[in-house]
């Protein structure tokens, strides 16, 4: 398949390659998790429920992270038929599943993709089974273990890639450390609350965006794919220039959807981030743009255990009226322009550039 060396532009071929990669990814995940189900069942059949839950969580989805890795791989001259990149993509999906499971528990989220979050799933299992002691405590414990198992399985898949590349291993390891640090900063920001003050709220929010989400959603998958294909350092640096700003725009779009998204599309209740007390960039902007009275309302009621529905509506309205939503949309537009501009300068074929552009636009224009 020599067209990767050629300067070609074929949207249909790009779609075919993405679809073929996604199909091979689904097949690998299905087979791998079936094998793990058998392993755990040999320990005790009851314990296999944790693998069943992981399997259901990882089904479907947009597969954006593996696809960024795939097109980063092709951009560096990788063979689209190779299994290395499929295995790396599956490892990324399992890592994302771990992050989602733990994030939902930390945020006390009830739903994920329109279904009960992992801790709620196991809480319901406890109640339906009529088991002893506290159902919510069981759900929390089971979800921690499910997330930990996802991390272990992600590492297992990545570590057994037939042709290991040291640079790829370094990117994968660094990515995991960055996400954990970013998640901690997110928890710290929520816990500190008003004690931190608004002076550098936007800067702190952007740091969280970068390390909790942007790097592992777009930048590191693209770098990982490039490294697996033997990309030179110069190309990896160009990949970062394109992927990091788009990753930040991707997460800022998620933050907007967390407040203003349609529940029928996002699979989460409207204003869910406000109930969870997420101090995102849109909140940070409000803490500098809103009136003193409205700032005080946000500081004292954001994430309150007894937050009322009318307060959620009021908070959403003031985020729009004070200009916080507009400021966040401006950040998304600026970051998108920066990333797409860098994409135009990538030293890859027009075919690979087109594949990366399609993914980038899907990430920043999404509605769920």
Protein backbone atom coordinates (compact mmCIF):
# COMPACT_ATOMS: atom_id res chain seq x y z
CA UNK A 1 0.00 0.00 0.00
CA UNK A 2 2.27 2.70 -1.28
CA UNK A 3 -0.23 5.56 -1.41
CA UNK A 4 1.05 6.83 1.95
CA UNK A 5 4.21 7.91 0.21
CA UNK A 6 2.17 9.62 -2.47
CA UNK A 7 0.60 13.05 -2.25
CA UNK A 8 -3.00 11.97 -2.68
CA UNK A 9 -6.36 13.10 -1.37
CA UNK A 10 -9.06 10.44 -1.28
CA UNK A 11 -11.79 10.96 1.35
CA UNK A 12 -13.38 7.59 0.61
CA UNK A 13 -10.09 5.76 1.10
CA UNK A 14 -9.57 7.62 4.37
CA UNK A 15 -13.01 6.54 5.59
CA UNK A 16 -12.32 2.96 4.55
CA UNK A 17 -9.04 2.88 6.44
CA UNK A 18 -10.57 4.41 9.57
CA UNK A 19 -13.47 1.95 9.43
CA UNK A 20 -11.15 -1.01 8.92
CA UNK A 21 -8.95 0.08 11.82
CA UNK A 22 -11.97 0.57 14.07
CA UNK A 23 -13.31 -2.86 13.17
CA UNK A 24 -9.98 -4.51 13.98
CA UNK A 25 -9.86 -2.56 17.24
CA UNK A 26 -13.34 -3.75 18.21
CA UNK A 27 -12.40 -7.33 17.40
CA UNK A 28 -9.20 -7.17 19.46
CA UNK A 29 -10.96 -5.63 22.47
CA UNK A 30 -13.75 -8.19 22.29
CA UNK A 31 -11.35 -11.13 22.08
CA UNK A 32 -9.02 -9.78 24.74
CA UNK A 33 -11.80 -9.08 27.23
CA UNK A 34 -13.36 -12.49 26.57
CA UNK A 35 -9.99 -14.01 27.46
CA UNK A 36 -9.85 -11.93 30.65
CA UNK A 37 -13.39 -12.98 31.51
CA UNK A 38 -12.27 -16.60 31.33
CA UNK A 39 -9.22 -15.86 33.49
CA UNK A 40 -11.31 -14.19 36.19
CA UNK A 41 -14.04 -16.84 35.96
CA UNK A 42 -11.44 -19.47 36.79
CA UNK A 43 -10.82 -17.61 40.05
CA UNK A 44 -14.54 -17.38 40.84
CA UNK A 45 -17.52 -16.98 38.47
CA UNK A 46 -18.94 -14.14 40.60
CA UNK A 47 -15.79 -12.08 40.09
CA UNK A 48 -16.22 -12.11 36.30
CA UNK A 49 -18.97 -9.51 36.63
CA UNK A 50 -16.26 -6.86 36.84
CA UNK A 51 -14.96 -7.84 33.37
CA UNK A 52 -18.51 -7.90 31.99
CA UNK A 53 -18.98 -4.33 33.24
CA UNK A 54 -15.72 -3.21 31.60
CA UNK A 55 -16.67 -4.93 28.36
CA UNK A 56 -20.00 -3.11 28.23
CA UNK A 57 -18.41 0.24 29.03
CA UNK A 58 -15.84 -0.10 26.24
CA UNK A 59 -18.29 -1.10 23.52
CA UNK A 60 -18.89 1.42 20.76
CA UNK A 61 -17.89 5.02 21.38
CA UNK A 62 -16.19 7.42 19.01
CA UNK A 63 -12.74 5.81 19.32
CA UNK A 64 -11.18 9.25 18.85
CA UNK A 65 -8.03 8.47 20.82
CA UNK A 66 -7.17 5.27 18.92
CA UNK A 67 -7.98 7.01 15.65
CA UNK A 68 -5.64 9.91 16.44
CA UNK A 69 -2.98 7.29 17.16
CA UNK A 70 -3.78 5.52 13.88
CA UNK A 71 -3.49 8.67 11.75
CA UNK A 72 -0.39 9.76 13.61
CA UNK A 73 1.00 6.32 12.73
CA UNK A 74 0.07 6.67 9.05
CA UNK A 75 1.44 10.20 8.93
CA UNK A 76 4.82 8.82 9.99
CA UNK A 77 4.72 6.15 7.28
CA UNK A 78 3.20 3.29 9.27
CA UNK A 79 1.57 0.30 7.56
CA UNK A 80 -2.24 0.47 8.00
CA UNK A 81 -2.38 -3.34 8.13
CA UNK A 82 -0.02 -3.62 11.12
CA UNK A 83 -1.37 -4.95 14.41
CA UNK A 84 0.98 -2.89 16.60
CA UNK A 85 -1.14 0.25 16.20
CA UNK A 86 -4.36 -1.70 16.79
CA UNK A 87 -2.94 -3.05 20.04
CA UNK A 88 -1.82 0.43 21.08
CA UNK A 89 -5.28 1.77 20.26
CA UNK A 90 -6.93 -0.90 22.40
CA UNK A 91 -4.57 -0.04 25.26
CA UNK A 92 -5.65 3.60 24.93
CA UNK A 93 -9.32 2.60 25.09
CA UNK A 94 -8.79 0.62 28.27
CA UNK A 95 -6.84 3.46 29.81
CA UNK A 96 -9.68 5.83 28.94
CA UNK A 97 -12.16 3.41 30.52
CA UNK A 98 -10.12 3.48 33.73
CA UNK A 99 -10.09 7.28 33.69
CA UNK A 100 -13.86 7.43 33.12
CA UNK A 101 -14.63 4.94 35.90
CA UNK A 102 -12.51 6.75 38.45
CA UNK A 103 -13.63 10.20 37.27
CA UNK A 104 -17.31 9.28 37.65
CA UNK A 105 -16.67 8.03 41.17
CA UNK A 106 -14.69 11.14 42.13
CA UNK A 107 -17.39 13.41 40.66
CA UNK A 108 -20.27 11.32 42.02
CA UNK A 109 -21.73 11.11 38.51
CA UNK A 110 -24.79 8.92 38.17
CA UNK A 111 -24.58 8.31 34.43
CA UNK A 112 -22.07 7.66 31.67
CA UNK A 113 -23.13 7.57 28.02
CA UNK A 114 -26.76 7.44 29.07
CA UNK A 115 -26.21 4.40 31.29
CA UNK A 116 -25.50 4.07 35.03
CA UNK A 117 -21.89 4.92 35.88
CA UNK A 118 -19.78 2.05 37.14
CA UNK A 119 -20.28 2.67 40.85
CA UNK A 120 -24.03 3.06 40.34
CA UNK A 121 -24.13 -0.15 38.32
CA UNK A 122 -22.57 -2.15 41.16
CA UNK A 123 -24.66 -0.34 43.74
CA UNK A 124 -27.77 -1.47 41.83
CA UNK A 125 -26.42 -5.02 41.66
CA UNK A 126 -26.02 -5.01 45.44
CA UNK A 127 -29.57 -3.77 45.99
CA UNK A 128 -31.11 -6.17 43.46
CA UNK A 129 -29.28 -9.10 45.06
CA UNK A 130 -30.40 -8.18 48.56
CA UNK A 131 -26.86 -8.28 49.89
CA UNK A 132 -25.72 -7.27 53.34
CA UNK A 133 -24.38 -3.87 54.47
CA UNK A 134 -24.13 -0.65 52.45
CA UNK A 135 -24.93 -0.80 48.72
CA UNK A 136 -23.30 2.52 47.85
CA UNK A 137 -20.10 1.55 49.62
CA UNK A 138 -20.01 -1.70 47.65
CA UNK A 139 -20.54 0.23 44.40
CA UNK A 140 -17.67 2.57 45.19
CA UNK A 141 -15.31 -0.27 46.09
CA UNK A 142 -16.23 -2.29 42.99
CA UNK A 143 -15.74 0.71 40.69
CA UNK A 144 -12.28 1.40 42.12
CA UNK A 145 -11.35 -2.20 41.42
CA UNK A 146 -12.85 -2.04 37.92
CA UNK A 147 -10.81 1.06 37.15
CA UNK A 148 -7.68 -0.55 38.54
CA UNK A 149 -8.28 -3.64 36.43
CA UNK A 150 -8.67 -1.45 33.33
CA UNK A 151 -5.30 0.14 34.09
CA UNK A 152 -3.72 -3.28 34.49
CA UNK A 153 -5.25 -4.60 31.26
CA UNK A 154 -4.21 -1.44 29.39
CA UNK A 155 -0.62 -1.97 30.48
CA UNK A 156 -0.81 -5.67 29.58
CA UNK A 157 -1.89 -4.88 26.04
CA UNK A 158 0.68 -2.16 25.53
CA UNK A 159 3.55 -4.15 27.06
CA UNK A 160 2.95 -7.07 24.69
CA UNK A 161 3.13 -5.08 21.44
CA UNK A 162 5.32 -7.36 19.27
CA UNK A 163 7.76 -4.65 18.20
CA UNK A 164 8.25 -2.35 21.20
CA UNK A 165 9.57 1.17 20.60
CA UNK A 166 11.29 2.93 23.55
CA UNK A 167 9.98 6.36 22.55
CA UNK A 168 6.42 5.03 22.41
CA UNK A 169 6.81 3.44 25.84
CA UNK A 170 8.01 6.76 27.25
CA UNK A 171 5.01 8.61 25.77
CA UNK A 172 2.58 6.01 27.13
CA UNK A 173 4.08 6.14 30.63
CA UNK A 174 4.23 9.94 30.70
CA UNK A 175 0.63 10.15 29.52
CA UNK A 176 -0.61 8.11 32.47
CA UNK A 177 1.34 10.21 34.98
CA UNK A 178 0.00 13.42 33.42
CA UNK A 179 -3.61 12.29 33.68
CA UNK A 180 -3.24 11.33 37.35
CA UNK A 181 -1.62 14.68 38.14
CA UNK A 182 -4.30 16.55 36.21
CA UNK A 183 -7.05 14.62 37.98
CA UNK A 184 -5.53 15.46 41.35
CA UNK A 185 -5.35 19.16 40.42
CA UNK A 186 -9.02 18.97 39.43
CA UNK A 187 -9.96 17.50 42.82
CA UNK A 188 -7.76 20.04 44.56
CA UNK A 189 -9.40 22.95 42.71
CA UNK A 190 -12.87 21.77 43.69
CA UNK A 191 -11.86 21.18 47.29
CA UNK A 192 -10.06 24.50 47.68
CA UNK A 193 -13.05 26.30 46.19
CA UNK A 194 -13.25 29.98 47.17
CA UNK A 195 -10.02 29.69 49.20
CA UNK A 196 -8.02 29.87 45.97
CA UNK A 197 -9.67 33.06 44.76
CA UNK A 198 -10.35 34.13 41.16
CA UNK A 199 -7.03 35.85 40.36
CA UNK A 200 -5.48 32.92 38.49
CA UNK A 201 -8.59 30.77 38.12
CA UNK A 202 -8.42 30.72 34.31
CA UNK A 203 -4.74 29.73 34.36
CA UNK A 204 -5.41 26.93 36.87
CA UNK A 205 -8.39 25.71 34.86
CA UNK A 206 -6.34 25.58 31.66
CA UNK A 207 -3.59 23.58 33.41
CA UNK A 208 -6.19 21.04 34.50
CA UNK A 209 -7.61 20.92 30.96
CA UNK A 210 -4.16 20.32 29.52
CA UNK A 211 -3.01 17.52 31.82
CA UNK A 212 -6.25 15.83 32.77
CA UNK A 213 -7.66 15.63 29.25
CA UNK A 214 -6.03 17.42 26.31
CA UNK A 215 -2.77 15.54 26.32
CA UNK A 216 -4.25 12.07 26.67
CA UNK A 217 -7.21 12.77 24.37
CA UNK A 218 -5.36 14.11 21.33
CA UNK A 219 -1.67 14.94 21.75
CA UNK A 220 -0.31 11.76 23.31
CA UNK A 221 -2.31 9.35 21.10
CA UNK A 222 -1.01 11.17 18.00
CA UNK A 223 2.55 11.13 19.37
CA UNK A 224 2.19 7.48 20.31
CA UNK A 225 1.15 6.51 16.81
CA UNK A 226 3.96 8.54 15.30
CA UNK A 227 6.55 7.03 17.63
CA UNK A 228 5.40 3.47 16.87
CA UNK A 229 5.96 4.20 13.17
CA UNK A 230 9.44 5.58 13.86
CA UNK A 231 8.66 9.28 13.42
CA UNK A 232 11.69 11.57 13.79
CA UNK A 233 11.73 14.03 16.68
CA UNK A 234 10.94 16.93 14.37
CA UNK A 235 7.68 15.36 13.24
CA UNK A 236 6.70 14.51 16.82
CA UNK A 237 7.21 18.17 17.75
CA UNK A 238 5.04 19.19 14.80
CA UNK A 239 2.40 16.72 15.97
CA UNK A 240 2.38 18.41 19.40
CA UNK A 241 1.95 21.83 17.80
CA UNK A 242 -1.17 20.56 16.05
CA UNK A 243 -2.60 18.19 18.63
CA UNK A 244 -2.23 19.97 21.97
CA UNK A 245 -4.31 23.07 21.12
CA UNK A 246 -6.97 20.88 19.52
CA UNK A 247 -6.97 18.69 22.62
CA UNK A 248 -7.54 21.74 24.79
CA UNK A 249 -10.34 22.94 22.48
CA UNK A 250 -11.81 19.41 22.70
CA UNK A 251 -11.97 19.55 26.50
CA UNK A 252 -13.27 23.13 26.60
CA UNK A 253 -16.07 22.00 24.30
CA UNK A 254 -16.74 19.19 26.77
CA UNK A 255 -16.90 21.76 29.58
CA UNK A 256 -19.47 23.79 27.66
CA UNK A 257 -21.52 20.66 27.01
CA UNK A 258 -21.31 19.80 30.70
CA UNK A 259 -23.29 22.95 31.42
CA UNK A 260 -25.32 23.63 28.28
CA UNK A 261 -25.45 20.25 26.51
CA UNK A 262 -28.63 18.44 25.55
CA UNK A 263 -29.07 15.47 27.95
CA UNK A 264 -30.58 13.41 25.13
CA UNK A 265 -27.31 13.78 23.24
CA UNK A 266 -24.68 13.93 26.01
CA UNK A 267 -26.17 11.14 28.13
CA UNK A 268 -25.81 13.31 31.26
CA UNK A 269 -28.29 15.62 33.02
CA UNK A 270 -28.29 19.28 31.95
CA UNK A 271 -25.93 21.33 34.09
CA UNK A 272 -24.30 18.23 35.54
CA UNK A 273 -20.90 19.93 35.90
CA UNK A 274 -22.52 22.60 38.08
CA UNK A 275 -23.95 19.97 40.42
CA UNK A 276 -20.57 18.26 40.58
CA UNK A 277 -18.82 21.54 41.39
CA UNK A 278 -16.46 21.43 38.40
CA UNK A 279 -14.32 24.57 38.39
CA UNK A 280 -13.81 24.63 34.65
CA UNK A 281 -12.61 27.51 32.51
CA UNK A 282 -16.16 28.74 31.96
CA UNK A 283 -16.55 29.05 35.73
CA UNK A 284 -13.14 30.73 35.98
CA UNK A 285 -14.21 33.35 33.45
CA UNK A 286 -17.40 33.98 35.42
CA UNK A 287 -15.39 34.62 38.58
CA UNK A 288 -13.78 37.60 36.85
CA UNK A 289 -16.62 38.78 34.60
CA UNK A 290 -19.74 38.46 36.78
CA UNK A 291 -20.93 40.99 39.33
CA UNK A 292 -19.74 40.65 42.90
CA UNK A 293 -23.11 39.27 43.97
CA UNK A 294 -23.11 36.68 41.18
CA UNK A 295 -19.52 35.71 41.93
CA UNK A 296 -20.52 35.13 45.54
CA UNK A 297 -23.44 32.99 44.40
CA UNK A 298 -21.13 30.84 42.27
CA UNK A 299 -18.51 30.52 44.99
CA UNK A 300 -21.00 29.44 47.65
CA UNK A 301 -23.44 27.32 45.63
CA UNK A 302 -21.35 25.61 42.93
CA UNK A 303 -21.37 21.90 43.72
CA UNK A 304 -23.39 22.34 46.92
CA UNK A 305 -24.93 19.09 48.18
CA UNK A 306 -28.33 20.78 48.37
CA UNK A 307 -28.05 22.69 45.07
CA UNK A 308 -31.57 23.22 43.75
CA UNK A 309 -32.74 23.00 40.15
CA UNK A 310 -33.66 26.68 40.05
CA UNK A 311 -30.12 27.50 41.20
CA UNK A 312 -28.69 25.39 38.36
CA UNK A 313 -30.84 27.35 35.92
CA UNK A 314 -29.76 30.66 37.48
CA UNK A 315 -26.09 29.67 37.29
CA UNK A 316 -26.40 28.66 33.64
CA UNK A 317 -28.13 31.93 32.82
CA UNK A 318 -25.50 34.08 34.49
CA UNK A 319 -22.64 32.16 32.81
CA UNK A 320 -24.17 33.26 29.54
CA UNK A 321 -25.21 36.79 30.54
CA UNK A 322 -21.86 37.75 32.13
CA UNK A 323 -19.90 36.69 29.05
CA UNK A 324 -18.25 33.56 30.49
CA UNK A 325 -19.73 31.33 27.79
CA UNK A 326 -18.65 33.78 25.08
CA UNK A 327 -15.12 33.93 26.52
CA UNK A 328 -14.89 30.14 26.55
CA UNK A 329 -16.17 29.91 22.98
CA UNK A 330 -13.50 32.46 22.02
CA UNK A 331 -10.85 30.24 23.62
CA UNK A 332 -12.16 27.24 21.69
CA UNK A 333 -12.04 29.20 18.43
CA UNK A 334 -8.51 30.48 19.11
CA UNK A 335 -7.17 27.05 20.04
CA UNK A 336 -8.90 25.44 17.05
CA UNK A 337 -7.37 27.98 14.68
CA UNK A 338 -3.95 27.43 16.23
CA UNK A 339 -4.17 23.65 15.94
CA UNK A 340 -5.58 23.58 12.43
CA UNK A 341 -3.00 26.15 11.33
CA UNK A 342 -0.22 23.93 12.65
CA UNK A 343 -1.82 20.98 10.88
CA UNK A 344 -1.42 22.76 7.54
CA UNK A 345 2.33 22.90 8.17
CA UNK A 346 2.77 19.22 9.11
CA UNK A 347 5.43 17.42 7.11
CA UNK A 348 3.07 14.58 6.12
CA UNK A 349 1.20 13.63 2.97
CA UNK A 350 -2.01 15.46 2.13
CA UNK A 351 -3.80 12.15 2.71
CA UNK A 352 -2.59 11.87 6.32
CA UNK A 353 -3.26 15.56 6.87
CA UNK A 354 -6.82 15.07 5.68
CA UNK A 355 -7.35 12.18 8.09
CA UNK A 356 -6.05 14.20 11.02
CA UNK A 357 -8.13 17.23 10.00
CA UNK A 358 -11.31 15.15 9.89
CA UNK A 359 -10.63 13.86 13.39
CA UNK A 360 -9.69 17.27 14.72
CA UNK A 361 -12.88 18.85 13.43
CA UNK A 362 -14.94 15.99 14.87
CA UNK A 363 -13.36 16.59 18.26
CA UNK A 364 -13.98 20.33 18.45
CA UNK A 365 -17.42 20.34 16.82
CA UNK A 366 -18.91 17.47 18.78
CA UNK A 367 -22.24 17.71 20.57
CA UNK A 368 -21.79 14.78 22.94
